[in-house]
Amino acid sequence: MQTKLANIPPIALSASAANLLNCNVTALTGPVGITLTQPYLVILHIRVVNNDSAAHTCKLFKGATGAAAVGTEFAFAGESIAANSHADWYGKARFDATDFLTGFADTANKLTLNIDAEIVF
């Protein structure tokens, strides 16, 4: 098993459920004699930054593409994030190629996600 830090740019949350992150690689062809396997992500830390003058909420989900289904809540399930502040989630969550991190906020473009993850090959 080999890991590499993922370079995930900040993600602004919209007000409707949207795909935020997926690690599916569509072409796994490699040099002759090497069989590549589908990588997966291990999310280690998520920071939600609120740079607005009012508190806002967000919800993140792990599941199917575009999904925001009850029972698939992953983090920040409606947690209020104070004005000009941030909230953090720490852990180790594996996201396979079929798993999507989806989510939304109560108001568009007021909350930004910063994600620290590793890609595992």
C-alpha atoms as a PDB file:
ATOM      1  CA  MET A   1       0.000   0.000   0.000  1.00  0.00           C
ATOM      2  CA  GLN A   2       1.303   3.404  -0.975  1.00  0.00           C
ATOM      3  CA  THR A   3      -0.173   6.757   0.061  1.00  0.00           C
ATOM      4  CA  LYS A   4       0.151  10.275  -1.237  1.00  0.00           C
ATOM      5  CA  LEU A   5      -1.274  13.504   0.128  1.00  0.00           C
ATOM      6  CA  ALA A   6      -4.268  14.622  -1.916  1.00  0.00           C
ATOM      7  CA  ASN A   7      -4.250  18.159  -3.279  1.00  0.00           C
ATOM      8  CA  ILE A   8      -7.875  19.193  -2.760  1.00  0.00           C
ATOM      9  CA  PRO A   9      -8.626  22.873  -3.368  1.00  0.00           C
ATOM     10  CA  PRO A  10     -11.107  24.725  -1.118  1.00  0.00           C
ATOM     11  CA  ILE A  11     -14.746  24.007  -2.008  1.00  0.00           C
ATOM     12  CA  ALA A  12     -17.542  26.590  -1.648  1.00  0.00           C
ATOM     13  CA  LEU A  13     -20.823  25.008  -0.572  1.00  0.00           C
ATOM     14  CA  SER A  14     -23.989  25.699  -2.522  1.00  0.00           C
ATOM     15  CA  ALA A  15     -27.526  25.738  -1.107  1.00  0.00           C
ATOM     16  CA  SER A  16     -28.512  22.453  -2.788  1.00  0.00           C
ATOM     17  CA  ALA A  17     -26.987  18.978  -2.605  1.00  0.00           C
ATOM     18  CA  ALA A  18     -23.963  18.659  -4.875  1.00  0.00           C
ATOM     19  CA  ASN A  19     -21.049  16.304  -5.416  1.00  0.00           C
ATOM     20  CA  LEU A  20     -18.025  17.676  -3.591  1.00  0.00           C
ATOM     21  CA  LEU A  21     -15.468  14.885  -3.845  1.00  0.00           C
ATOM     22  CA  ASN A  22     -14.992  11.503  -5.534  1.00  0.00           C
ATOM     23  CA  CYS A  23     -11.791   9.590  -6.258  1.00  0.00           C
ATOM     24  CA  ASN A  24     -12.875   7.493  -9.239  1.00  0.00           C
ATOM     25  CA  VAL A  25     -10.115   7.162 -11.818  1.00  0.00           C
ATOM     26  CA  THR A  26     -11.516   6.319 -15.252  1.00  0.00           C
ATOM     27  CA  ALA A  27      -8.313   5.073 -16.915  1.00  0.00           C
ATOM     28  CA  LEU A  28      -6.241   2.486 -15.054  1.00  0.00           C
ATOM     29  CA  THR A  29      -4.020   1.481 -17.955  1.00  0.00           C
ATOM     30  CA  GLY A  30      -0.376   1.482 -17.080  1.00  0.00           C
ATOM     31  CA  PRO A  31       2.980   0.402 -18.423  1.00  0.00           C
ATOM     32  CA  VAL A  32       3.348  -3.133 -19.724  1.00  0.00           C
ATOM     33  CA  GLY A  33       3.519  -5.608 -16.870  1.00  0.00           C
ATOM     34  CA  ILE A  34       1.890  -3.355 -14.257  1.00  0.00           C
ATOM     35  CA  THR A  35      -1.669  -3.822 -13.112  1.00  0.00           C
ATOM     36  CA  LEU A  36      -3.047  -0.649 -11.576  1.00  0.00           C
ATOM     37  CA  THR A  37      -5.815  -0.788  -8.995  1.00  0.00           C
ATOM     38  CA  GLN A  38      -8.493   1.782  -8.256  1.00  0.00           C
ATOM     39  CA  PRO A  39      -7.227   4.209  -5.602  1.00  0.00           C
ATOM     40  CA  TYR A  40      -9.343   5.326  -2.674  1.00  0.00           C
ATOM     41  CA  LEU A  41      -9.301   8.367  -0.420  1.00  0.00           C
ATOM     42  CA  VAL A  42      -8.865   8.465   3.327  1.00  0.00           C
ATOM     43  CA  ILE A  43     -10.261  11.729   4.645  1.00  0.00           C
ATOM     44  CA  LEU A  44      -8.426  12.784   7.803  1.00  0.00           C
ATOM     45  CA  HIS A  45      -9.706  16.293   8.488  1.00  0.00           C
ATOM     46  CA  ILE A  46     -12.456  18.595   7.251  1.00  0.00           C
ATOM     47  CA  ARG A  47     -12.639  22.256   8.201  1.00  0.00           C
ATOM     48  CA  VAL A  48     -15.735  24.297   7.410  1.00  0.00           C
ATOM     49  CA  VAL A  49     -14.941  27.998   7.323  1.00  0.00           C
ATOM     50  CA  ASN A  50     -17.669  30.599   7.764  1.00  0.00           C
ATOM     51  CA  ASN A  51     -16.435  33.977   6.583  1.00  0.00           C
ATOM     52  CA  ASP A  52     -19.857  35.639   6.853  1.00  0.00           C
ATOM     53  CA  SER A  53     -21.175  37.924   9.597  1.00  0.00           C
ATOM     54  CA  ALA A  54     -23.997  35.462  10.395  1.00  0.00           C
ATOM     55  CA  ALA A  55     -24.031  31.859  11.594  1.00  0.00           C
ATOM     56  CA  HIS A  56     -24.696  29.180   8.960  1.00  0.00           C
ATOM     57  CA  THR A  57     -25.284  25.427   8.876  1.00  0.00           C
ATOM     58  CA  CYS A  58     -24.176  22.676   6.529  1.00  0.00           C
ATOM     59  CA  LYS A  59     -24.613  18.952   6.059  1.00  0.00           C
ATOM     60  CA  LEU A  60     -22.192  16.484   4.491  1.00  0.00           C
ATOM     61  CA  PHE A  61     -23.131  13.010   3.261  1.00  0.00           C
ATOM     62  CA  LYS A  62     -21.288   9.853   2.168  1.00  0.00           C
ATOM     63  CA  GLY A  63     -23.045   7.843  -0.483  1.00  0.00           C
ATOM     64  CA  ALA A  64     -24.297   7.897  -4.026  1.00  0.00           C
ATOM     65  CA  THR A  65     -23.708  10.706  -6.480  1.00  0.00           C
ATOM     66  CA  GLY A  66     -25.712  13.831  -5.685  1.00  0.00           C
ATOM     67  CA  ALA A  67     -27.343  12.148  -2.691  1.00  0.00           C
ATOM     68  CA  ALA A  68     -28.430  13.788   0.537  1.00  0.00           C
ATOM     69  CA  ALA A  69     -30.451  10.897   1.941  1.00  0.00           C
ATOM     70  CA  VAL A  70     -31.430  10.370   5.547  1.00  0.00           C
ATOM     71  CA  GLY A  71     -29.093   7.815   7.083  1.00  0.00           C
ATOM     72  CA  THR A  72     -26.078   8.837   4.994  1.00  0.00           C
ATOM     73  CA  GLU A  73     -25.124  11.944   6.992  1.00  0.00           C
ATOM     74  CA  PHE A  74     -21.370  12.059   7.370  1.00  0.00           C
ATOM     75  CA  ALA A  75     -20.386  15.218   9.232  1.00  0.00           C
ATOM     76  CA  PHE A  76     -21.745  18.604  10.248  1.00  0.00           C
ATOM     77  CA  ALA A  77     -25.339  17.347  10.194  1.00  0.00           C
ATOM     78  CA  GLY A  78     -26.914  20.782  10.551  1.00  0.00           C
ATOM     79  CA  GLU A  79     -24.335  22.011  13.049  1.00  0.00           C
ATOM     80  CA  SER A  80     -24.346  25.794  13.415  1.00  0.00           C
ATOM     81  CA  ILE A  81     -21.021  27.388  12.534  1.00  0.00           C
ATOM     82  CA  ALA A  82     -20.614  30.773  14.187  1.00  0.00           C
ATOM     83  CA  ALA A  83     -20.018  33.942  12.213  1.00  0.00           C
ATOM     84  CA  ASN A  84     -16.401  34.479  11.163  1.00  0.00           C
ATOM     85  CA  SER A  85     -15.429  31.114  12.629  1.00  0.00           C
ATOM     86  CA  HIS A  86     -14.824  27.500  11.668  1.00  0.00           C
ATOM     87  CA  ALA A  87     -15.657  23.952  12.750  1.00  0.00           C
ATOM     88  CA  ASP A  88     -13.501  20.841  12.407  1.00  0.00           C
ATOM     89  CA  TRP A  89     -14.050  17.120  11.884  1.00  0.00           C
ATOM     90  CA  TYR A  90     -11.192  14.704  12.555  1.00  0.00           C
ATOM     91  CA  GLY A  91     -11.122  10.987  11.879  1.00  0.00           C
ATOM     92  CA  LYS A  92     -10.268   8.428   9.223  1.00  0.00           C
ATOM     93  CA  ALA A  93     -12.969   7.823   6.646  1.00  0.00           C
ATOM     94  CA  ARG A  94     -12.392   5.676   3.571  1.00  0.00           C
ATOM     95  CA  PHE A  95     -14.041   6.803   0.349  1.00  0.00           C
ATOM     96  CA  ASP A  96     -13.954   4.250  -2.467  1.00  0.00           C
ATOM     97  CA  ALA A  97     -14.507   5.050  -6.145  1.00  0.00           C
ATOM     98  CA  THR A  98     -18.254   4.501  -5.702  1.00  0.00           C
ATOM     99  CA  ASP A  99     -18.479   6.831  -2.689  1.00  0.00           C
ATOM    100  CA  PHE A 100     -19.212  10.514  -3.090  1.00  0.00           C
ATOM    101  CA  LEU A 101     -18.856  13.244  -0.509  1.00  0.00           C
ATOM    102  CA  THR A 102     -21.891  15.425  -1.121  1.00  0.00           C
ATOM    103  CA  GLY A 103     -23.267  18.329   0.807  1.00  0.00           C
ATOM    104  CA  PHE A 104     -24.862  21.729   1.003  1.00  0.00           C
ATOM    105  CA  ALA A 105     -25.221  24.775   3.240  1.00  0.00           C
ATOM    106  CA  ASP A 106     -28.224  26.800   4.327  1.00  0.00           C
ATOM    107  CA  THR A 107     -27.011  29.678   2.122  1.00  0.00           C
ATOM    108  CA  ALA A 108     -24.857  29.452  -1.003  1.00  0.00           C
ATOM    109  CA  ASN A 109     -21.228  30.601  -1.015  1.00  0.00           C
ATOM    110  CA  LYS A 110     -20.985  31.449   2.698  1.00  0.00           C
ATOM    111  CA  LEU A 111     -19.192  28.273   3.849  1.00  0.00           C
ATOM    112  CA  THR A 112     -15.976  26.819   2.440  1.00  0.00           C
ATOM    113  CA  LEU A 113     -14.630  23.291   2.954  1.00  0.00           C
ATOM    114  CA  ASN A 114     -10.951  22.536   3.407  1.00  0.00           C
ATOM    115  CA  ILE A 115     -10.202  18.808   3.236  1.00  0.00           C
ATOM    116  CA  ASP A 116      -7.034  16.959   4.232  1.00  0.00           C
ATOM    117  CA  ALA A 117      -6.890  13.470   2.733  1.00  0.00           C
ATOM    118  CA  GLU A 118      -4.566  10.789   1.467  1.00  0.00           C
ATOM    119  CA  ILE A 119      -4.864   8.879  -1.780  1.00  0.00           C
ATOM    120  CA  VAL A 120      -4.160   5.173  -1.280  1.00  0.00           C
ATOM    121  CA  PHE A 121      -2.916   3.074  -4.190  1.00  0.00           C
END
